[in-house]
Amino acid sequence: MWAQYLTIQEVNNLESDRFIKIFGNIVEHCLAAGIRILKHRPFKCIDDIVKAIDNYLDSLKDEEKIQILQLYPDSVSKLAGFSNSMLEFNTHQKIIDNSQRSSLRFEDKKRLKQLDKKYKEKHGFPFIICGKEGEDIEKLSAEIEARLMNDTQQEIEIALKEVKKICKLRIYEIVK
């Protein structure tokens, strides 16, 4: 979360290198996204930035989309591993809070780990869900199971939609 929000006018007036630094992590560790959306300035509103990111992601070839998806942290595996540290990469990739995590039964962790492993083996990238939607362990397990039924092409598109949701939330944390 930014200490101070930027206005659209401030975003439009940022020097290119500063813009890329700020917006280069809207898509996880992807400076190319920041560089690409820089070309779309000036933006009229926040949704123009969101559209620019969405268009960038949609314009990628499948191999490039997979590379983007592989940049995202493997949150499910970390949750199932049940480390002592808080499982919170940022507000949007937080899958479950610490109180829920501590109540996870061994069977739940084992099931999640198995589902996560199957998912990664089948699709070649980690399971991605916008954290605001993946906070219930039962729903998370059911979602992974359901998405395991998809072929990889379908799953690329679904995971990309989740990435777009994460990006939109990140943009709204930066710009007001």
N, C-alpha and C. Protein backbone atom coordinates (compact mmCIF):
# COMPACT_ATOMS: atom_id res chain seq x y z
N MET A 1 0.85 -1.18 0.00
CA MET A 1 0.00 0.00 0.00
C MET A 1 0.89 1.23 0.00
N TRP A 2 0.55 2.17 -0.83
CA TRP A 2 1.30 3.40 -0.93
C TRP A 2 0.96 4.33 0.21
N ALA A 3 1.93 5.06 0.70
CA ALA A 3 1.70 6.02 1.78
C ALA A 3 0.87 7.19 1.26
N GLN A 4 1.04 7.49 0.00
CA GLN A 4 0.32 8.61 -0.60
C GLN A 4 -0.15 8.18 -1.99
N TYR A 5 -1.41 8.44 -2.27
CA TYR A 5 -1.95 8.11 -3.59
C TYR A 5 -1.51 9.15 -4.61
N LEU A 6 -1.45 8.71 -5.85
CA LEU A 6 -1.18 9.62 -6.95
C LEU A 6 -2.49 9.96 -7.64
N THR A 7 -2.59 11.16 -8.14
CA THR A 7 -3.74 11.53 -8.97
C THR A 7 -3.43 11.13 -10.41
N ILE A 8 -4.44 11.11 -11.24
CA ILE A 8 -4.23 10.82 -12.66
C ILE A 8 -3.26 11.83 -13.27
N GLN A 9 -3.42 13.09 -12.91
CA GLN A 9 -2.53 14.12 -13.43
C GLN A 9 -1.08 13.84 -13.02
N GLU A 10 -0.87 13.43 -11.77
CA GLU A 10 0.48 13.11 -11.31
C GLU A 10 1.04 11.89 -12.06
N VAL A 11 0.19 10.89 -12.29
CA VAL A 11 0.62 9.71 -13.06
C VAL A 11 1.05 10.14 -14.46
N ASN A 12 0.26 10.99 -15.08
CA ASN A 12 0.58 11.44 -16.44
C ASN A 12 1.85 12.29 -16.50
N ASN A 13 2.19 12.94 -15.39
CA ASN A 13 3.36 13.82 -15.35
C ASN A 13 4.63 13.14 -14.83
N LEU A 14 4.53 11.88 -14.44
CA LEU A 14 5.71 11.17 -13.93
C LEU A 14 6.77 11.04 -15.03
N GLU A 15 8.03 11.16 -14.63
CA GLU A 15 9.10 10.86 -15.58
C GLU A 15 9.01 9.39 -15.92
N SER A 16 9.44 9.03 -17.11
CA SER A 16 9.28 7.65 -17.60
C SER A 16 9.88 6.62 -16.66
N ASP A 17 11.11 6.85 -16.19
CA ASP A 17 11.74 5.86 -15.32
C ASP A 17 11.00 5.70 -14.00
N ARG A 18 10.47 6.79 -13.48
CA ARG A 18 9.68 6.73 -12.23
C ARG A 18 8.37 5.98 -12.48
N PHE A 19 7.72 6.27 -13.61
CA PHE A 19 6.48 5.59 -13.98
C PHE A 19 6.71 4.08 -14.05
N ILE A 20 7.77 3.68 -14.75
CA ILE A 20 8.07 2.25 -14.91
C ILE A 20 8.37 1.60 -13.56
N LYS A 21 9.07 2.33 -12.71
CA LYS A 21 9.38 1.79 -11.38
C LYS A 21 8.10 1.56 -10.57
N ILE A 22 7.19 2.50 -10.63
CA ILE A 22 5.94 2.40 -9.87
C ILE A 22 5.00 1.36 -10.47
N PHE A 23 4.84 1.37 -11.78
CA PHE A 23 3.86 0.50 -12.43
C PHE A 23 4.45 -0.81 -12.95
N GLY A 24 5.73 -1.01 -12.76
CA GLY A 24 6.39 -2.23 -13.22
C GLY A 24 6.10 -3.45 -12.38
N ASN A 25 5.43 -3.26 -11.27
CA ASN A 25 5.05 -4.42 -10.44
C ASN A 25 3.53 -4.57 -10.36
N ILE A 26 2.80 -3.85 -11.17
CA ILE A 26 1.35 -4.04 -11.23
C ILE A 26 1.10 -5.48 -11.67
N VAL A 27 1.82 -5.91 -12.69
CA VAL A 27 1.88 -7.32 -13.06
C VAL A 27 3.15 -7.81 -12.36
N GLU A 28 3.05 -8.85 -11.59
CA GLU A 28 4.13 -9.33 -10.71
C GLU A 28 5.53 -9.28 -11.34
N HIS A 29 6.39 -8.42 -10.79
CA HIS A 29 7.80 -8.32 -11.21
C HIS A 29 7.96 -8.22 -12.73
N CYS A 30 7.12 -7.41 -13.36
CA CYS A 30 7.13 -7.35 -14.83
C CYS A 30 7.29 -5.90 -15.30
N LEU A 31 8.54 -5.46 -15.36
CA LEU A 31 8.80 -4.10 -15.83
C LEU A 31 8.29 -3.88 -17.25
N ALA A 32 8.25 -4.94 -18.05
CA ALA A 32 7.76 -4.82 -19.43
C ALA A 32 6.33 -4.29 -19.46
N ALA A 33 5.53 -4.65 -18.47
CA ALA A 33 4.15 -4.15 -18.41
C ALA A 33 4.16 -2.64 -18.17
N GLY A 34 5.00 -2.19 -17.26
CA GLY A 34 5.11 -0.75 -17.00
C GLY A 34 5.57 0.01 -18.22
N ILE A 35 6.55 -0.55 -18.92
CA ILE A 35 7.06 0.08 -20.15
C ILE A 35 5.97 0.15 -21.21
N ARG A 36 5.23 -0.94 -21.34
CA ARG A 36 4.19 -1.02 -22.37
C ARG A 36 3.05 -0.05 -22.12
N ILE A 37 2.60 0.07 -20.86
CA ILE A 37 1.46 0.96 -20.62
C ILE A 37 1.88 2.43 -20.59
N LEU A 38 3.16 2.68 -20.43
CA LEU A 38 3.68 4.05 -20.47
C LEU A 38 3.27 4.73 -21.78
N LYS A 39 3.25 3.97 -22.85
CA LYS A 39 2.91 4.50 -24.18
C LYS A 39 1.48 5.03 -24.26
N HIS A 40 0.63 4.61 -23.34
CA HIS A 40 -0.79 4.97 -23.41
C HIS A 40 -1.11 6.28 -22.69
N ARG A 41 -0.10 6.91 -22.11
CA ARG A 41 -0.35 8.19 -21.47
C ARG A 41 -0.65 9.25 -22.53
N PRO A 42 -1.43 10.22 -22.23
CA PRO A 42 -2.04 10.51 -20.93
C PRO A 42 -3.32 9.68 -20.70
N PHE A 43 -3.50 9.31 -19.46
CA PHE A 43 -4.70 8.59 -19.05
C PHE A 43 -5.75 9.61 -18.62
N LYS A 44 -7.02 9.33 -18.95
CA LYS A 44 -8.10 10.23 -18.53
C LYS A 44 -8.61 9.87 -17.14
N CYS A 45 -8.54 8.57 -16.82
CA CYS A 45 -9.05 8.10 -15.53
C CYS A 45 -8.32 6.81 -15.14
N ILE A 46 -8.56 6.35 -13.94
CA ILE A 46 -7.91 5.14 -13.44
C ILE A 46 -8.24 3.94 -14.33
N ASP A 47 -9.47 3.86 -14.77
CA ASP A 47 -9.87 2.72 -15.60
C ASP A 47 -9.09 2.65 -16.91
N ASP A 48 -8.57 3.79 -17.38
CA ASP A 48 -7.71 3.76 -18.58
C ASP A 48 -6.42 2.99 -18.30
N ILE A 49 -5.89 3.12 -17.09
CA ILE A 49 -4.69 2.37 -16.71
C ILE A 49 -5.02 0.88 -16.64
N VAL A 50 -6.16 0.58 -16.04
CA VAL A 50 -6.61 -0.82 -15.94
C VAL A 50 -6.75 -1.41 -17.35
N LYS A 51 -7.40 -0.67 -18.24
CA LYS A 51 -7.57 -1.15 -19.63
C LYS A 51 -6.23 -1.35 -20.32
N ALA A 52 -5.29 -0.45 -20.08
CA ALA A 52 -3.97 -0.58 -20.71
C ALA A 52 -3.27 -1.86 -20.24
N ILE A 53 -3.37 -2.17 -18.95
CA ILE A 53 -2.79 -3.42 -18.43
C ILE A 53 -3.51 -4.62 -19.03
N ASP A 54 -4.85 -4.58 -19.03
CA ASP A 54 -5.62 -5.68 -19.61
C ASP A 54 -5.25 -5.91 -21.07
N ASN A 55 -5.14 -4.82 -21.83
CA ASN A 55 -4.78 -4.94 -23.25
C ASN A 55 -3.37 -5.50 -23.41
N TYR A 56 -2.47 -5.08 -22.56
CA TYR A 56 -1.10 -5.62 -22.60
C TYR A 56 -1.13 -7.13 -22.39
N LEU A 57 -1.83 -7.57 -21.34
CA LEU A 57 -1.90 -9.00 -21.04
C LEU A 57 -2.57 -9.78 -22.17
N ASP A 58 -3.65 -9.22 -22.72
CA ASP A 58 -4.36 -9.89 -23.81
C ASP A 58 -3.52 -9.99 -25.08
N SER A 59 -2.61 -9.05 -25.27
CA SER A 59 -1.80 -9.03 -26.50
C SER A 59 -0.66 -10.05 -26.49
N LEU A 60 -0.39 -10.63 -25.35
CA LEU A 60 0.73 -11.57 -25.24
C LEU A 60 0.43 -12.89 -25.92
N LYS A 61 1.46 -13.53 -26.44
CA LYS A 61 1.33 -14.89 -26.96
C LYS A 61 1.19 -15.83 -25.78
N ASP A 62 0.67 -17.03 -26.02
CA ASP A 62 0.46 -17.98 -24.93
C ASP A 62 1.72 -18.25 -24.13
N GLU A 63 2.86 -18.39 -24.79
CA GLU A 63 4.11 -18.65 -24.08
C GLU A 63 4.45 -17.49 -23.14
N GLU A 64 4.18 -16.26 -23.60
CA GLU A 64 4.44 -15.08 -22.78
C GLU A 64 3.47 -15.00 -21.61
N LYS A 65 2.22 -15.39 -21.85
CA LYS A 65 1.24 -15.42 -20.76
C LYS A 65 1.68 -16.40 -19.69
N ILE A 66 2.15 -17.57 -20.11
CA ILE A 66 2.63 -18.57 -19.15
C ILE A 66 3.81 -18.02 -18.37
N GLN A 67 4.71 -17.32 -19.04
CA GLN A 67 5.85 -16.72 -18.34
C GLN A 67 5.38 -15.73 -17.28
N ILE A 68 4.36 -14.94 -17.61
CA ILE A 68 3.79 -14.00 -16.63
C ILE A 68 3.21 -14.77 -15.46
N LEU A 69 2.43 -15.81 -15.74
CA LEU A 69 1.80 -16.60 -14.68
C LEU A 69 2.85 -17.25 -13.78
N GLN A 70 3.97 -17.63 -14.35
CA GLN A 70 5.03 -18.26 -13.56
C GLN A 70 5.73 -17.27 -12.64
N LEU A 71 5.55 -15.97 -12.86
CA LEU A 71 6.13 -14.96 -11.98
C LEU A 71 5.41 -14.85 -10.64
N TYR A 72 4.17 -15.32 -10.60
CA TYR A 72 3.37 -15.18 -9.38
C TYR A 72 3.79 -16.19 -8.32
N PRO A 73 3.75 -15.78 -7.05
CA PRO A 73 4.17 -16.69 -5.98
C PRO A 73 3.23 -17.88 -5.86
N ASP A 74 3.79 -18.97 -5.42
CA ASP A 74 3.03 -20.20 -5.22
C ASP A 74 2.40 -20.17 -3.82
N SER A 75 1.35 -19.38 -3.69
CA SER A 75 0.71 -19.14 -2.40
C SER A 75 0.10 -20.40 -1.80
N VAL A 76 -0.50 -21.23 -2.62
CA VAL A 76 -1.15 -22.44 -2.12
C VAL A 76 -0.12 -23.39 -1.51
N SER A 77 0.99 -23.56 -2.19
CA SER A 77 2.04 -24.44 -1.69
C SER A 77 2.58 -23.95 -0.35
N LYS A 78 2.76 -22.64 -0.24
CA LYS A 78 3.25 -22.08 1.03
C LYS A 78 2.22 -22.27 2.13
N LEU A 79 0.96 -22.10 1.80
CA LEU A 79 -0.10 -22.32 2.78
C LEU A 79 -0.10 -23.77 3.23
N ALA A 80 -0.02 -24.68 2.29
CA ALA A 80 -0.03 -26.11 2.62
C ALA A 80 1.22 -26.51 3.37
N GLY A 81 2.32 -25.80 3.12
CA GLY A 81 3.56 -26.08 3.84
C GLY A 81 3.52 -25.62 5.28
N PHE A 82 2.61 -24.68 5.56
CA PHE A 82 2.36 -24.21 6.91
C PHE A 82 3.63 -23.75 7.61
N SER A 83 4.31 -22.78 7.01
CA SER A 83 5.48 -22.20 7.66
C SER A 83 5.01 -21.31 8.80
N ASN A 84 5.93 -20.94 9.66
CA ASN A 84 5.58 -20.12 10.82
C ASN A 84 5.37 -18.66 10.46
N SER A 85 5.90 -18.22 9.33
CA SER A 85 5.73 -16.82 8.96
C SER A 85 4.32 -16.58 8.43
N MET A 86 3.89 -15.35 8.51
CA MET A 86 2.57 -14.99 7.99
C MET A 86 2.53 -15.25 6.50
N LEU A 87 1.43 -15.81 6.03
CA LEU A 87 1.26 -16.02 4.59
C LEU A 87 0.55 -14.79 4.04
N GLU A 88 1.33 -13.77 3.75
CA GLU A 88 0.74 -12.57 3.19
C GLU A 88 1.77 -11.89 2.30
N PHE A 89 1.67 -12.13 1.01
CA PHE A 89 2.61 -11.54 0.06
C PHE A 89 2.25 -10.08 -0.16
N ASN A 90 1.01 -9.80 -0.22
CA ASN A 90 0.47 -8.45 -0.23
C ASN A 90 -1.03 -8.61 -0.03
N THR A 91 -1.73 -7.53 0.02
CA THR A 91 -3.16 -7.61 0.32
C THR A 91 -3.95 -8.44 -0.67
N HIS A 92 -3.48 -8.59 -1.88
CA HIS A 92 -4.27 -9.25 -2.92
C HIS A 92 -3.90 -10.70 -3.14
N GLN A 93 -2.78 -11.12 -2.61
CA GLN A 93 -2.40 -12.50 -2.77
C GLN A 93 -2.48 -13.25 -1.44
N LYS A 94 -3.01 -12.59 -0.44
CA LYS A 94 -3.20 -13.23 0.85
C LYS A 94 -4.32 -14.24 0.67
N ILE A 95 -4.02 -15.49 0.85
CA ILE A 95 -5.03 -16.50 0.62
C ILE A 95 -5.83 -16.77 1.88
N ILE A 96 -5.21 -16.70 3.00
CA ILE A 96 -5.90 -17.04 4.23
C ILE A 96 -5.20 -16.33 5.37
N ASP A 97 -5.92 -15.89 6.36
CA ASP A 97 -5.23 -15.17 7.43
C ASP A 97 -4.64 -16.12 8.46
N ASN A 98 -3.82 -15.59 9.34
CA ASN A 98 -3.06 -16.41 10.28
C ASN A 98 -3.96 -17.23 11.19
N SER A 99 -5.09 -16.67 11.63
CA SER A 99 -5.97 -17.42 12.53
C SER A 99 -6.58 -18.63 11.82
N GLN A 100 -6.95 -18.48 10.56
CA GLN A 100 -7.48 -19.61 9.80
C GLN A 100 -6.38 -20.63 9.53
N ARG A 101 -5.20 -20.14 9.24
CA ARG A 101 -4.08 -21.02 8.94
C ARG A 101 -3.74 -21.90 10.12
N SER A 102 -3.75 -21.33 11.30
CA SER A 102 -3.37 -22.11 12.47
C SER A 102 -4.39 -23.19 12.77
N SER A 103 -5.61 -23.04 12.25
CA SER A 103 -6.63 -24.06 12.49
C SER A 103 -6.70 -25.10 11.37
N LEU A 104 -5.82 -24.99 10.38
CA LEU A 104 -5.81 -25.98 9.30
C LEU A 104 -5.39 -27.34 9.84
N ARG A 105 -6.20 -28.31 9.55
CA ARG A 105 -5.86 -29.67 9.96
C ARG A 105 -4.82 -30.24 9.02
N PHE A 106 -4.10 -31.24 9.50
CA PHE A 106 -3.08 -31.90 8.70
C PHE A 106 -3.68 -32.42 7.40
N GLU A 107 -4.89 -32.97 7.47
CA GLU A 107 -5.55 -33.50 6.28
C GLU A 107 -5.82 -32.41 5.25
N ASP A 108 -6.22 -31.22 5.76
CA ASP A 108 -6.47 -30.09 4.86
C ASP A 108 -5.19 -29.66 4.16
N LYS A 109 -4.11 -29.58 4.93
CA LYS A 109 -2.82 -29.18 4.35
C LYS A 109 -2.35 -30.20 3.32
N LYS A 110 -2.51 -31.48 3.66
CA LYS A 110 -2.09 -32.55 2.75
C LYS A 110 -2.90 -32.49 1.46
N ARG A 111 -4.20 -32.30 1.58
CA ARG A 111 -5.08 -32.22 0.41
C ARG A 111 -4.70 -31.02 -0.47
N LEU A 112 -4.48 -29.87 0.17
CA LEU A 112 -4.08 -28.68 -0.58
C LEU A 112 -2.77 -28.90 -1.32
N LYS A 113 -1.83 -29.50 -0.62
CA LYS A 113 -0.51 -29.76 -1.23
C LYS A 113 -0.65 -30.68 -2.44
N GLN A 114 -1.48 -31.72 -2.33
CA GLN A 114 -1.70 -32.65 -3.44
C GLN A 114 -2.37 -31.95 -4.62
N LEU A 115 -3.40 -31.17 -4.32
CA LEU A 115 -4.10 -30.43 -5.39
C LEU A 115 -3.16 -29.45 -6.08
N ASP A 116 -2.39 -28.74 -5.27
CA ASP A 116 -1.46 -27.76 -5.82
C ASP A 116 -0.42 -28.42 -6.71
N LYS A 117 0.09 -29.55 -6.28
CA LYS A 117 1.10 -30.27 -7.07
C LYS A 117 0.50 -30.73 -8.40
N LYS A 118 -0.71 -31.28 -8.36
CA LYS A 118 -1.38 -31.72 -9.59
C LYS A 118 -1.59 -30.54 -10.54
N TYR A 119 -2.01 -29.42 -9.96
CA TYR A 119 -2.28 -28.23 -10.76
C TYR A 119 -1.01 -27.77 -11.48
N LYS A 120 0.08 -27.63 -10.73
CA LYS A 120 1.34 -27.17 -11.34
C LYS A 120 1.87 -28.16 -12.37
N GLU A 121 1.74 -29.44 -12.08
CA GLU A 121 2.20 -30.46 -13.05
C GLU A 121 1.38 -30.41 -14.33
N LYS A 122 0.09 -30.19 -14.18
CA LYS A 122 -0.78 -30.18 -15.36
C LYS A 122 -0.61 -28.91 -16.19
N HIS A 123 -0.54 -27.76 -15.52
CA HIS A 123 -0.59 -26.49 -16.24
C HIS A 123 0.76 -25.78 -16.38
N GLY A 124 1.72 -26.10 -15.53
CA GLY A 124 3.05 -25.49 -15.67
C GLY A 124 3.22 -24.15 -15.00
N PHE A 125 2.27 -23.74 -14.19
CA PHE A 125 2.36 -22.49 -13.44
C PHE A 125 1.54 -22.64 -12.16
N PRO A 126 1.79 -21.78 -11.16
CA PRO A 126 1.07 -21.92 -9.89
C PRO A 126 -0.41 -21.53 -10.02
N PHE A 127 -1.21 -22.08 -9.14
CA PHE A 127 -2.62 -21.72 -9.06
C PHE A 127 -2.71 -20.26 -8.63
N ILE A 128 -3.45 -19.47 -9.39
CA ILE A 128 -3.58 -18.04 -9.10
C ILE A 128 -5.05 -17.72 -8.90
N ILE A 129 -5.31 -17.06 -7.79
CA ILE A 129 -6.65 -16.56 -7.52
C ILE A 129 -6.49 -15.24 -6.79
N CYS A 130 -7.33 -14.28 -7.13
CA CYS A 130 -7.28 -13.00 -6.45
C CYS A 130 -7.58 -13.25 -4.98
N GLY A 131 -6.69 -12.85 -4.10
CA GLY A 131 -6.76 -13.17 -2.68
C GLY A 131 -8.06 -12.82 -2.00
N LYS A 132 -8.71 -11.80 -2.47
CA LYS A 132 -9.98 -11.41 -1.86
C LYS A 132 -11.03 -12.50 -2.06
N GLU A 133 -10.81 -13.36 -3.05
CA GLU A 133 -11.78 -14.40 -3.36
C GLU A 133 -11.36 -15.78 -2.89
N GLY A 134 -10.16 -15.91 -2.35
CA GLY A 134 -9.66 -17.23 -2.00
C GLY A 134 -9.39 -17.41 -0.53
N GLU A 135 -10.19 -16.75 0.31
CA GLU A 135 -9.88 -16.75 1.73
C GLU A 135 -10.51 -17.90 2.51
N ASP A 136 -11.39 -18.66 1.94
CA ASP A 136 -12.02 -19.79 2.62
C ASP A 136 -11.38 -21.08 2.12
N ILE A 137 -10.86 -21.88 3.04
CA ILE A 137 -10.09 -23.07 2.68
C ILE A 137 -10.91 -24.09 1.90
N GLU A 138 -12.17 -24.26 2.27
CA GLU A 138 -13.04 -25.21 1.55
C GLU A 138 -13.28 -24.74 0.12
N LYS A 139 -13.58 -23.45 -0.01
CA LYS A 139 -13.82 -22.89 -1.34
C LYS A 139 -12.55 -22.93 -2.19
N LEU A 140 -11.41 -22.68 -1.55
CA LEU A 140 -10.14 -22.72 -2.26
C LEU A 140 -9.87 -24.11 -2.80
N SER A 141 -10.05 -25.12 -1.97
CA SER A 141 -9.85 -26.51 -2.41
C SER A 141 -10.79 -26.86 -3.55
N ALA A 142 -12.06 -26.47 -3.40
CA ALA A 142 -13.05 -26.76 -4.44
C ALA A 142 -12.69 -26.04 -5.75
N GLU A 143 -12.19 -24.82 -5.63
CA GLU A 143 -11.81 -24.06 -6.83
C GLU A 143 -10.63 -24.72 -7.55
N ILE A 144 -9.65 -25.17 -6.79
CA ILE A 144 -8.51 -25.85 -7.41
C ILE A 144 -8.98 -27.12 -8.10
N GLU A 145 -9.82 -27.90 -7.42
CA GLU A 145 -10.34 -29.14 -8.02
C GLU A 145 -11.09 -28.85 -9.31
N ALA A 146 -11.93 -27.82 -9.28
CA ALA A 146 -12.71 -27.47 -10.48
C ALA A 146 -11.78 -27.04 -11.61
N ARG A 147 -10.78 -26.25 -11.29
CA ARG A 147 -9.88 -25.75 -12.32
C ARG A 147 -8.93 -26.82 -12.82
N LEU A 148 -8.74 -27.88 -12.07
CA LEU A 148 -7.95 -29.02 -12.55
C LEU A 148 -8.63 -29.71 -13.73
N MET A 149 -9.93 -29.55 -13.85
CA MET A 149 -10.68 -30.16 -14.95
C MET A 149 -10.47 -29.41 -16.26
N ASN A 150 -9.98 -28.18 -16.19
CA ASN A 150 -9.76 -27.39 -17.39
C ASN A 150 -8.52 -27.86 -18.13
N ASP A 151 -8.53 -27.65 -19.45
CA ASP A 151 -7.28 -27.87 -20.17
C ASP A 151 -6.40 -26.64 -19.94
N THR A 152 -5.15 -26.75 -20.31
CA THR A 152 -4.20 -25.67 -20.01
C THR A 152 -4.58 -24.37 -20.70
N GLN A 153 -5.09 -24.44 -21.92
CA GLN A 153 -5.50 -23.22 -22.62
C GLN A 153 -6.60 -22.49 -21.84
N GLN A 154 -7.60 -23.23 -21.37
CA GLN A 154 -8.66 -22.62 -20.57
C GLN A 154 -8.08 -22.01 -19.30
N GLU A 155 -7.18 -22.75 -18.70
CA GLU A 155 -6.63 -22.31 -17.42
C GLU A 155 -5.73 -21.08 -17.57
N ILE A 156 -5.05 -20.97 -18.68
CA ILE A 156 -4.27 -19.75 -18.94
C ILE A 156 -5.20 -18.55 -18.91
N GLU A 157 -6.34 -18.67 -19.58
CA GLU A 157 -7.28 -17.55 -19.63
C GLU A 157 -7.90 -17.25 -18.27
N ILE A 158 -8.24 -18.29 -17.51
CA ILE A 158 -8.82 -18.09 -16.18
C ILE A 158 -7.79 -17.45 -15.25
N ALA A 159 -6.58 -17.99 -15.26
CA ALA A 159 -5.52 -17.44 -14.40
C ALA A 159 -5.21 -15.99 -14.79
N LEU A 160 -5.25 -15.70 -16.09
CA LEU A 160 -5.01 -14.34 -16.55
C LEU A 160 -6.10 -13.39 -16.06
N LYS A 161 -7.35 -13.86 -16.01
CA LYS A 161 -8.43 -13.04 -15.45
C LYS A 161 -8.17 -12.73 -13.98
N GLU A 162 -7.64 -13.71 -13.25
CA GLU A 162 -7.30 -13.50 -11.84
C GLU A 162 -6.16 -12.48 -11.72
N VAL A 163 -5.18 -12.58 -12.61
CA VAL A 163 -4.08 -11.62 -12.62
C VAL A 163 -4.62 -10.22 -12.88
N LYS A 164 -5.57 -10.10 -13.80
CA LYS A 164 -6.16 -8.79 -14.09
C LYS A 164 -6.87 -8.22 -12.86
N LYS A 165 -7.55 -9.07 -12.10
CA LYS A 165 -8.20 -8.60 -10.86
C LYS A 165 -7.16 -8.09 -9.87
N ILE A 166 -6.06 -8.83 -9.73
CA ILE A 166 -4.98 -8.42 -8.83
C ILE A 166 -4.40 -7.09 -9.30
N CYS A 167 -4.17 -6.96 -10.59
CA CYS A 167 -3.63 -5.72 -11.16
C CYS A 167 -4.55 -4.54 -10.88
N LYS A 168 -5.84 -4.74 -11.08
CA LYS A 168 -6.80 -3.66 -10.85
C LYS A 168 -6.75 -3.20 -9.40
N LEU A 169 -6.71 -4.14 -8.47
CA LEU A 169 -6.63 -3.77 -7.06
C LEU A 169 -5.33 -3.02 -6.77
N ARG A 170 -4.25 -3.46 -7.36
CA ARG A 170 -2.96 -2.79 -7.15
C ARG A 170 -2.99 -1.36 -7.70
N ILE A 171 -3.58 -1.19 -8.86
CA ILE A 171 -3.68 0.15 -9.45
C ILE A 171 -4.49 1.07 -8.54
N TYR A 172 -5.60 0.56 -8.01
CA TYR A 172 -6.44 1.38 -7.13
C TYR A 172 -5.77 1.67 -5.79
N GLU A 173 -4.71 0.94 -5.46
CA GLU A 173 -3.93 1.27 -4.26
C GLU A 173 -2.92 2.37 -4.53
N ILE A 174 -2.63 2.61 -5.79
CA ILE A 174 -1.63 3.62 -6.15
C ILE A 174 -2.28 4.93 -6.58
N VAL A 175 -3.37 4.83 -7.34
CA VAL A 175 -3.98 6.01 -7.95
C VAL A 175 -5.37 6.26 -7.38
N LYS A 176 -5.64 7.49 -7.06
CA LYS A 176 -6.98 7.89 -6.59
C LYS A 176 -7.47 9.08 -7.39
